[in-house]
């Protein structure tokens, strides 16, 4: 609804009081708009990090990038052998052999080592 106030008349729109009032309201609206643009991405990345680490923990992907973790692939005994069998089936050793051979072919593993 229309309200009568200090800035409701056309000749008083350029007064100091009206310009500062309208300018501050417009700047507040601009700040809210820009803040909402930044906050949407911030909230998205926070939730992605939280739910991503929950999913990784549930899939037992802890310490995957840690190269000092030994891999126990002894059939029927090793913890990682059971995981490979659960993921790739009873022929998981063929998958592992193909992974290692592909790394060798791409020269990630030097044959001199």
Foldseek 3Di string as FASTA:
>chain_A
DDDDDQCPDPVRCPPPVNCVVVVVVVVVVVVVVVVVVVVVVVVVVVVCVVVVVVVCVVLVVPCVVPPVDDFDCDPPPTPNVVVQCVVPNPVSVVVVVVVVVVCVVVVVDPPVD
